[in-house]
Amino acid sequence: MRYPAKKLLPTPLSTSLHHSQNACGNVSIVNPQDAKGLKVRGGSREMDMMLQAAGATTLSTPSNELYVAMQTGACDAAITSSTSLISFRLEEVTKSLTTGRGKSYWFMLVPLIMSKQIFDAMPKSQRDIMMELGAELEQFGIKEAMADDQKVAEVYAKKGAKVFDLDEAVVDRWRAIARDTAWKDYAKKTALSAELIKLADQVQVS
């Protein structure tokens, strides 16, 4: 999205990061080589780039159509949020689950934003309240997202699915693919994009 002036840029009040998982039908996708030859719903253009580089055929199946697609074999695996995997009852047509608890290579950013022009026009006392509330919501969102990551593992295990977690070595393999595909694509968009991806690459997460 482009804004006509800096004063119209949105003000972030709260930001929450939600892990993704990946639910598979008859096979598991843990390492990149596991995706080769499979029909996978990546959920985004960038994730599709990574999956294609790993040898998968990507699908653009809407979340509410995943159940039937996986039930009929039209889709072998789907990457989506923990809450979607639970709410769409994909555990009924899935034999394995790769969780995002602990570590993941795909995150969904869910920001709460408002117009900077409106925010700046508010009295300082009201701006402070908004920012304080945003900080509280951010912590709540992170806590609940992590709880969902645990809950989805329990739901799928109860149905008899094999549950896998990712370790740093596996994430590094996916990260290497991301650098050559999605990251490069993003860096080409604008000079700011290139700078942001450079900064992100310097972040060390334990």
Protein backbone atom coordinates (compact mmCIF):
# COMPACT_ATOMS: atom_id res chain seq x y z
CA MET A 1 0.00 0.00 0.00
CA ARG A 2 1.29 3.46 -0.90
CA TYR A 3 0.51 6.60 1.10
CA PRO A 4 0.61 10.15 -0.37
CA ALA A 5 2.46 11.67 2.57
CA LYS A 6 4.42 10.57 5.60
CA LYS A 7 1.81 12.04 7.94
CA LEU A 8 -0.75 9.56 6.59
CA LEU A 9 1.33 6.49 7.44
CA PRO A 10 -0.48 4.16 9.83
CA THR A 11 0.50 4.03 13.48
CA PRO A 12 1.04 0.49 14.80
CA LEU A 13 -0.79 0.08 18.09
CA SER A 14 -0.17 -3.62 18.53
CA THR A 15 1.58 -6.40 16.64
CA SER A 16 1.11 -10.10 17.10
CA LEU A 17 3.02 -12.93 15.42
CA HIS A 18 1.16 -16.17 14.85
CA HIS A 19 3.05 -19.34 14.01
CA SER A 20 1.92 -21.50 11.15
CA GLN A 21 1.74 -25.26 11.02
CA ASN A 22 1.59 -27.65 8.21
CA ALA A 23 -0.89 -30.46 8.10
CA CYS A 24 -0.34 -33.39 5.77
CA GLY A 25 -2.56 -36.18 4.51
CA ASN A 26 -0.65 -39.43 4.14
CA VAL A 27 2.88 -38.04 4.44
CA SER A 28 4.73 -35.54 6.61
CA ILE A 29 6.48 -32.36 5.52
CA VAL A 30 9.29 -31.58 7.92
CA ASN A 31 12.39 -31.10 5.75
CA PRO A 32 12.26 -29.32 2.38
CA GLN A 33 12.90 -32.57 0.49
CA ASP A 34 9.69 -33.99 1.98
CA ALA A 35 7.65 -31.60 -0.17
CA LYS A 36 8.98 -32.91 -3.48
CA GLY A 37 6.21 -34.21 -5.72
CA LEU A 38 3.40 -33.20 -3.36
CA LYS A 39 0.45 -30.90 -3.98
CA VAL A 40 0.70 -28.29 -1.24
CA ARG A 41 -1.37 -25.26 -0.30
CA GLY A 42 1.20 -22.70 0.80
CA GLY A 43 -1.13 -19.87 1.72
CA SER A 44 0.95 -17.02 0.27
CA ARG A 45 2.95 -16.09 -2.82
CA GLU A 46 6.20 -16.16 -0.88
CA MET A 47 5.54 -19.56 0.70
CA ASP A 48 4.62 -20.90 -2.72
CA MET A 49 8.02 -19.78 -4.02
CA MET A 50 9.75 -21.78 -1.31
CA LEU A 51 7.63 -24.85 -1.83
CA GLN A 52 8.14 -24.78 -5.59
CA ALA A 53 11.89 -24.54 -5.06
CA ALA A 54 11.59 -27.62 -2.83
CA GLY A 55 9.87 -29.49 -5.68
CA ALA A 56 6.21 -29.20 -4.68
CA THR A 57 3.24 -28.24 -6.82
CA THR A 58 1.49 -25.35 -5.10
CA LEU A 59 -2.25 -24.81 -4.78
CA SER A 60 -4.32 -21.71 -4.01
CA THR A 61 -7.08 -23.57 -2.17
CA PRO A 62 -9.12 -21.34 0.20
CA SER A 63 -9.02 -22.39 3.85
CA ASN A 64 -12.69 -23.33 3.90
CA GLU A 65 -12.15 -25.75 0.98
CA LEU A 66 -9.15 -27.55 2.44
CA TYR A 67 -11.18 -30.28 4.15
CA VAL A 68 -12.72 -31.56 0.92
CA ALA A 69 -9.48 -31.03 -1.04
CA MET A 70 -7.49 -33.15 1.43
CA GLN A 71 -10.29 -35.68 1.79
CA THR A 72 -10.38 -36.29 -1.97
CA GLY A 73 -6.62 -36.20 -2.46
CA ALA A 74 -6.68 -33.00 -4.50
CA CYS A 75 -4.38 -31.50 -1.84
CA ASP A 76 -1.64 -33.45 -0.04
CA ALA A 77 -0.70 -30.83 2.55
CA ALA A 78 -1.71 -27.40 3.76
CA ILE A 79 0.22 -24.67 5.55
CA THR A 80 -1.98 -22.47 7.68
CA SER A 81 -2.47 -21.20 11.23
CA SER A 82 -3.09 -23.39 14.26
CA THR A 83 -6.56 -21.95 14.72
CA SER A 84 -7.51 -22.72 11.10
CA LEU A 85 -6.26 -26.30 11.43
CA ILE A 86 -8.53 -26.73 14.44
CA SER A 87 -11.60 -24.78 13.30
CA PHE A 88 -11.74 -26.49 9.89
CA ARG A 89 -11.34 -29.92 11.56
CA LEU A 90 -8.51 -30.97 9.28
CA GLU A 91 -7.42 -33.51 11.90
CA GLU A 92 -10.24 -35.69 10.53
CA VAL A 93 -8.49 -36.01 7.16
CA THR A 94 -4.87 -35.70 8.26
CA LYS A 95 -2.39 -38.36 9.34
CA SER A 96 0.46 -36.09 10.39
CA LEU A 97 1.10 -32.59 11.68
CA THR A 98 4.25 -30.49 11.71
CA THR A 99 3.81 -27.95 14.48
CA GLY A 100 5.05 -24.39 14.86
CA ARG A 101 5.48 -24.66 18.63
CA GLY A 102 9.02 -23.82 19.60
CA LYS A 103 10.32 -23.12 16.10
CA SER A 104 8.79 -22.31 12.73
CA TYR A 105 9.81 -20.96 9.33
CA TRP A 106 6.52 -19.18 8.58
CA PHE A 107 4.80 -16.56 10.68
CA MET A 108 1.65 -14.53 10.19
CA LEU A 109 1.86 -10.87 11.21
CA VAL A 110 -1.41 -9.52 12.60
CA PRO A 111 -1.05 -5.76 13.28
CA LEU A 112 -3.60 -3.41 14.79
CA ILE A 113 -3.11 -0.03 13.13
CA MET A 114 -4.83 3.33 12.80
CA SER A 115 -4.30 6.49 10.76
CA LYS A 116 -1.28 8.46 11.99
CA GLN A 117 -3.10 11.68 11.12
CA ILE A 118 -5.95 10.77 13.46
CA PHE A 119 -3.60 9.40 16.13
CA ASP A 120 -1.49 12.57 16.18
CA ALA A 121 -4.64 14.72 16.49
CA MET A 122 -5.67 12.96 19.71
CA PRO A 123 -4.76 14.40 23.14
CA LYS A 124 -1.57 12.90 24.60
CA SER A 125 -3.51 11.24 27.40
CA GLN A 126 -5.62 9.36 24.86
CA ARG A 127 -2.57 8.43 22.75
CA ASP A 128 -0.89 7.02 25.86
CA ILE A 129 -3.96 4.92 26.65
CA MET A 130 -4.05 3.56 23.10
CA MET A 131 -0.37 2.59 23.19
CA GLU A 132 -0.65 1.01 26.64
CA LEU A 133 -3.66 -1.01 25.52
CA GLY A 134 -1.81 -2.03 22.36
CA ALA A 135 1.13 -3.29 24.41
CA GLU A 136 -1.24 -5.36 26.56
CA LEU A 137 -2.96 -6.81 23.49
CA GLU A 138 0.41 -7.70 21.96
CA GLN A 139 1.39 -9.77 24.98
CA PHE A 140 -2.06 -11.38 25.04
CA GLY A 141 -1.86 -12.21 21.33
CA ILE A 142 1.57 -13.83 21.63
CA LYS A 143 0.52 -15.87 24.67
CA GLU A 144 -2.68 -17.11 23.03
CA ALA A 145 -0.93 -17.91 19.73
CA MET A 146 1.58 -20.07 21.59
CA ALA A 147 -1.30 -21.76 23.42
CA ASP A 148 -2.97 -22.49 20.07
CA ASP A 149 0.26 -24.06 18.79
CA GLN A 150 0.19 -26.44 21.73
CA LYS A 151 -3.53 -27.09 21.47
CA VAL A 152 -3.41 -28.06 17.80
CA ALA A 153 -0.71 -30.63 18.55
CA GLU A 154 -2.93 -32.14 21.24
CA VAL A 155 -6.01 -32.17 18.98
CA TYR A 156 -4.16 -33.95 16.16
CA ALA A 157 -2.39 -36.41 18.45
CA LYS A 158 -5.73 -37.37 19.99
CA LYS A 159 -6.97 -38.25 16.50
CA GLY A 160 -3.94 -40.50 15.98
CA ALA A 161 -1.87 -38.20 13.79
CA LYS A 162 1.92 -38.27 13.99
CA VAL A 163 3.08 -34.94 15.42
CA PHE A 164 6.47 -33.47 14.49
CA ASP A 165 8.30 -30.42 15.85
CA LEU A 166 10.98 -28.45 14.01
CA ASP A 167 14.54 -28.03 15.25
CA GLU A 168 17.08 -25.36 14.32
CA ALA A 169 18.76 -27.52 11.66
CA VAL A 170 15.46 -28.02 9.82
CA VAL A 171 14.55 -24.33 10.05
CA ASP A 172 17.99 -23.47 8.63
CA ARG A 173 17.26 -25.64 5.57
CA TRP A 174 14.00 -23.82 4.95
CA ARG A 175 15.71 -20.48 5.61
CA ALA A 176 18.31 -21.25 2.95
CA ILE A 177 15.53 -21.78 0.41
CA ALA A 178 13.81 -18.58 1.55
CA ARG A 179 16.99 -16.55 0.99
CA ASP A 180 17.17 -17.69 -2.64
CA THR A 181 13.47 -17.23 -3.38
CA ALA A 182 11.06 -15.17 -1.25
CA TRP A 183 13.73 -12.96 0.34
CA LYS A 184 15.30 -12.07 -3.00
CA ASP A 185 11.89 -11.35 -4.46
CA TYR A 186 11.01 -9.04 -1.57
CA ALA A 187 14.37 -7.25 -1.69
CA LYS A 188 13.79 -6.37 -5.35
CA LYS A 189 10.54 -4.52 -4.67
CA THR A 190 11.99 -1.27 -3.27
CA ALA A 191 15.16 0.09 -1.68
CA LEU A 192 13.35 0.02 1.67
CA SER A 193 12.42 -3.62 1.15
CA ALA A 194 16.06 -4.46 0.51
CA GLU A 195 17.11 -2.66 3.69
CA LEU A 196 14.41 -4.33 5.79
CA ILE A 197 15.31 -7.83 4.63
CA LYS A 198 18.96 -7.06 5.32
CA LEU A 199 18.13 -6.00 8.87
CA ALA A 200 15.87 -9.03 9.38
CA ASP A 201 18.68 -11.33 8.31
CA GLN A 202 20.86 -9.92 11.10
CA VAL A 203 18.37 -10.83 13.81
CA GLN A 204 19.56 -13.75 15.93
CA VAL A 205 16.77 -15.80 17.52
CA SER A 206 17.58 -18.50 20.05
